[in-house]
Amino acid sequence: MKLVRQLIASAAFAALPILAHAGAIDQLRGFLNDTRSYKADFEQAVIARNGRKPQESSGTLAIQRPGKLRWEILKPYPQLVVGDGQKIWIHDPELQQVTVRQAGQAIGGSPAALLAGSNELEKNFTLREAGDADGLAWVEAIPKSADSGFEKVRIGMAGRDMKAMELHDNFGQTTHIRLLRGERNPALAAGLFRFTPPPGSDVIGE
C-alpha cells in the first residue's frame, strides 16, 4: 500500500508542469477579451545573434483596441510609433524621418497585432503553450505570414496580466520587453493616437 501511495504521489507531481502550463493561452485570451485600452511603461533590451552588449531602451505604451497604438521610446534615443487604426507612423526625430504604412500591412502579423489587433489570434498566429519560466506562464506565437519579420513571439502572463514579451526576428536578434505598471481599461486621450509629421521631416511611404 505504501508503494502504491508513492507511485500515485510521483504521478501527481509529474503531472504538475502539464497542469501549470495548460492555461497560458487561455490567460492571454482572457487578457485580450477583457482589455479595451491599456497603458504601461516598458523596458526593452535587444540582443544580437553574436551576443554583443544589449541595446537597452525604455518608454511608454498605450493601446486603444482595435488597432490604435502608441509606442514611445524615451531613452536613450527618442522614437515614436503611432497607429490610428488605418495608418502607422514611425518617427525618428534624430533622422528627421517619418515612415508611413497601412495599418493592416504593418501590424497584421507583428507583435503589435497581439496587443492592438482583434481577438482573432489564430488568424495571424499559431499559438503554443511554452511552459513556465521566471514566475510567468508563457505562450509562443508563430506568425502565419512569411513576411512578418519575426520567427516567433513569446508572451509572459501572470494570471490575466501581460508582463513580458520576447521577439525573435528573422535576423537572429531577440528583443526582451518587460511591461511595468500596466493598467487595463484606462481613459486615454484621442490625441495619443494621432500624428502629424513635423515640418521639415522626410516622409517615406503612403
Protein backbone atom coordinates (compact mmCIF):
# COMPACT_ATOMS: atom_id res chain seq x y z
CA MET A 1 0.00 0.00 0.00
CA LYS A 2 2.86 2.37 0.82
CA LEU A 3 4.40 1.71 -2.60
CA VAL A 4 1.06 2.43 -4.28
CA ARG A 5 0.78 5.75 -2.44
CA GLN A 6 4.32 6.66 -3.50
CA LEU A 7 3.55 5.84 -7.13
CA ILE A 8 0.37 7.92 -7.03
CA ALA A 9 2.26 10.83 -5.45
CA SER A 10 5.02 10.57 -8.06
CA ALA A 11 2.48 10.55 -10.88
CA ALA A 12 0.75 13.60 -9.40
CA PHE A 13 3.99 15.58 -9.18
CA ALA A 14 4.93 14.55 -12.71
CA ALA A 15 1.62 15.95 -13.95
CA LEU A 16 2.05 19.34 -12.24
CA PRO A 17 4.01 21.03 -15.05
CA ILE A 18 1.38 19.98 -17.58
CA LEU A 19 -1.40 21.37 -15.43
CA ALA A 20 0.51 24.59 -14.78
CA HIS A 21 1.20 25.16 -18.47
CA ALA A 22 -2.26 24.32 -19.73
CA GLY A 23 -3.80 27.72 -19.10
CA ALA A 24 -1.27 30.15 -20.63
CA ILE A 25 -3.16 30.57 -23.91
CA ASP A 26 -6.43 30.98 -22.01
CA GLN A 27 -4.77 33.63 -19.82
CA LEU A 28 -3.69 35.54 -22.95
CA ARG A 29 -7.16 35.26 -24.45
CA GLY A 30 -8.66 36.45 -21.18
CA PHE A 31 -6.35 39.46 -21.14
CA LEU A 32 -7.36 40.42 -24.69
CA ASN A 33 -11.07 39.80 -24.13
CA ASP A 34 -11.06 41.99 -21.00
CA THR A 35 -8.87 44.76 -22.41
CA ARG A 36 -10.32 47.65 -24.41
CA SER A 37 -7.48 50.03 -23.60
CA TYR A 38 -4.11 49.55 -21.96
CA LYS A 39 -1.10 51.59 -20.90
CA ALA A 40 2.24 50.65 -19.37
CA ASP A 41 5.87 51.60 -19.07
CA PHE A 42 8.34 49.27 -20.72
CA GLU A 43 11.99 48.33 -20.61
CA GLN A 44 13.49 46.80 -23.73
CA ALA A 45 16.76 45.03 -24.48
CA VAL A 46 17.78 43.95 -27.99
CA ILE A 47 20.32 41.12 -28.11
CA ALA A 48 22.10 40.44 -31.40
CA ARG A 49 22.91 36.98 -32.74
CA ASN A 50 26.58 37.42 -31.82
CA GLY A 51 25.65 38.14 -28.19
CA ARG A 52 27.28 41.57 -28.00
CA LYS A 53 26.17 44.04 -25.33
CA PRO A 54 22.37 44.50 -25.49
CA GLN A 55 20.88 47.73 -26.81
CA GLU A 56 18.66 48.93 -23.97
CA SER A 57 15.81 51.42 -24.12
CA SER A 58 12.71 52.40 -22.17
CA GLY A 59 9.49 54.27 -22.72
CA THR A 60 5.71 54.14 -22.61
CA LEU A 61 2.99 52.17 -24.36
CA ALA A 62 -0.69 53.00 -24.92
CA ILE A 63 -3.29 50.95 -26.80
CA GLN A 64 -6.92 51.51 -27.72
CA ARG A 65 -8.34 48.37 -29.28
CA PRO A 66 -8.90 47.60 -32.02
CA GLY A 67 -5.99 48.97 -34.00
CA LYS A 68 -4.84 52.12 -32.19
CA LEU A 69 -1.43 52.19 -30.53
CA ARG A 70 1.33 54.47 -29.31
CA TRP A 71 4.80 53.05 -28.63
CA GLU A 72 7.17 55.79 -27.47
CA ILE A 73 10.83 55.18 -26.74
CA LEU A 74 12.10 57.93 -24.42
CA LYS A 75 15.63 56.74 -23.56
CA PRO A 76 18.34 56.70 -24.74
CA TYR A 77 17.17 57.95 -28.18
CA PRO A 78 13.58 59.11 -28.82
CA GLN A 79 11.46 57.22 -31.33
CA LEU A 80 7.69 57.18 -31.75
CA VAL A 81 5.29 54.71 -33.35
CA VAL A 82 1.65 55.85 -33.66
CA GLY A 83 -1.26 53.94 -35.20
CA ASP A 84 -4.76 55.34 -35.68
CA GLY A 85 -6.33 52.11 -36.95
CA GLN A 86 -5.70 52.98 -40.60
CA LYS A 87 -2.06 54.02 -40.81
CA ILE A 88 1.12 53.53 -38.79
CA TRP A 89 3.63 56.37 -38.44
CA ILE A 90 7.20 55.70 -37.31
CA HIS A 91 9.00 58.92 -36.36
CA ASP A 92 12.75 59.11 -35.83
CA PRO A 93 13.44 62.68 -34.57
CA GLU A 94 17.21 62.32 -34.86
CA LEU A 95 16.99 61.48 -38.56
CA GLN A 96 14.01 63.83 -39.06
CA GLN A 97 12.35 60.93 -40.85
CA VAL A 98 8.77 59.61 -40.80
CA THR A 99 7.84 56.23 -42.30
CA VAL A 100 4.14 55.64 -43.07
CA ARG A 101 2.48 52.26 -43.67
CA GLN A 102 -1.02 50.92 -43.99
CA ALA A 103 -2.01 49.51 -40.60
CA GLY A 104 -3.13 46.11 -41.89
CA GLN A 105 0.18 45.52 -43.63
CA ALA A 106 2.25 46.92 -40.78
CA ILE A 107 0.78 45.01 -37.83
CA GLY A 108 -1.18 42.07 -39.27
CA GLY A 109 1.46 39.51 -38.34
CA SER A 110 3.56 41.55 -35.94
CA PRO A 111 3.67 41.61 -32.13
CA ALA A 112 1.61 44.80 -32.18
CA ALA A 113 -1.27 42.75 -33.62
CA LEU A 114 -1.34 40.71 -30.41
CA LEU A 115 -1.95 43.83 -28.35
CA ALA A 116 -3.81 46.28 -30.55
CA GLY A 117 -5.49 43.99 -33.06
CA SER A 118 -8.70 41.98 -32.92
CA ASN A 119 -9.22 38.91 -30.75
CA GLU A 120 -8.78 36.58 -33.74
CA LEU A 121 -5.29 35.50 -32.70
CA GLU A 122 -5.33 32.28 -34.67
CA LYS A 123 -5.96 34.25 -37.87
CA ASN A 124 -2.41 35.64 -37.77
CA PHE A 125 -0.60 33.35 -35.32
CA THR A 126 -0.27 29.71 -34.37
CA LEU A 127 -0.34 29.63 -30.55
CA ARG A 128 1.50 27.09 -28.42
CA GLU A 129 1.91 26.58 -24.69
CA ALA A 130 5.55 27.36 -23.81
CA GLY A 131 5.79 26.38 -20.14
CA ASP A 132 6.68 28.37 -17.03
CA ALA A 133 9.82 30.46 -16.52
CA ASP A 134 10.75 33.47 -14.38
CA GLY A 135 7.47 33.17 -12.50
CA LEU A 136 5.38 33.60 -15.67
CA ALA A 137 3.31 31.31 -17.88
CA TRP A 138 4.48 31.65 -21.48
CA VAL A 139 2.68 31.48 -24.82
CA GLU A 140 4.60 31.07 -28.05
CA ALA A 141 3.03 32.75 -31.10
CA ILE A 142 4.29 31.75 -34.55
CA PRO A 143 3.30 34.21 -37.33
CA LYS A 144 1.46 32.59 -40.21
CA SER A 145 2.65 35.29 -42.61
CA ALA A 146 6.09 34.64 -44.08
CA ASP A 147 6.84 38.37 -44.33
CA SER A 148 6.02 39.31 -40.73
CA GLY A 149 9.72 39.78 -39.95
CA PHE A 150 9.52 37.52 -36.89
CA GLU A 151 10.18 33.84 -36.38
CA LYS A 152 8.21 33.78 -33.14
CA VAL A 153 6.94 35.88 -30.27
CA ARG A 154 6.79 34.70 -26.66
CA ILE A 155 4.32 36.31 -24.25
CA GLY A 156 4.71 36.01 -20.47
CA MET A 157 1.48 36.04 -18.46
CA ALA A 158 0.82 36.35 -14.71
CA GLY A 159 -2.82 35.38 -14.41
CA ARG A 160 -4.62 37.67 -16.87
CA ASP A 161 -1.89 40.30 -16.77
CA MET A 162 0.70 40.51 -19.53
CA LYS A 163 4.15 41.05 -18.04
CA ALA A 164 6.71 40.35 -20.75
CA MET A 165 7.31 39.69 -24.44
CA GLU A 166 10.24 38.14 -26.31
CA LEU A 167 10.53 38.85 -30.02
CA HIS A 168 12.73 36.57 -32.13
CA ASP A 169 13.26 38.16 -35.55
CA ASN A 170 14.50 36.73 -38.84
CA PHE A 171 17.97 38.22 -38.34
CA GLY A 172 18.73 36.26 -35.18
CA GLN A 173 18.00 39.17 -32.84
CA THR A 174 15.99 38.70 -29.67
CA THR A 175 14.11 41.63 -28.14
CA HIS A 176 13.16 41.28 -24.47
CA ILE A 177 10.36 43.57 -23.28
CA ARG A 178 9.23 43.97 -19.67
CA LEU A 179 5.89 45.68 -19.09
CA LEU A 180 5.76 47.72 -15.89
CA ARG A 181 2.89 49.42 -14.07
CA GLY A 182 0.39 48.12 -16.60
CA GLU A 183 -3.16 49.47 -16.37
CA ARG A 184 -6.11 47.92 -18.17
CA ASN A 185 -9.03 49.96 -19.49
CA PRO A 186 -7.85 53.46 -18.53
CA ALA A 187 -9.40 56.51 -20.20
CA LEU A 188 -6.96 57.53 -22.95
CA ALA A 189 -6.94 60.85 -24.82
CA ALA A 190 -7.77 60.50 -28.52
CA GLY A 191 -4.79 62.70 -29.36
CA LEU A 192 -2.40 59.95 -28.29
CA PHE A 193 -3.29 58.08 -31.47
CA ARG A 194 -2.96 60.96 -33.93
CA PHE A 195 0.25 62.03 -35.63
CA THR A 196 1.21 64.90 -37.93
CA PRO A 197 4.74 64.81 -39.36
CA PRO A 198 6.79 67.75 -38.03
CA PRO A 199 7.68 70.44 -40.57
CA GLY A 200 10.86 69.55 -42.48
CA SER A 201 10.56 65.82 -41.90
CA ASP A 202 11.39 63.40 -44.71
CA VAL A 203 8.18 61.34 -45.14
CA ILE A 204 8.59 57.89 -46.67
CA GLY A 205 5.75 55.57 -47.70
CA GLU A 206 2.00 56.06 -48.03
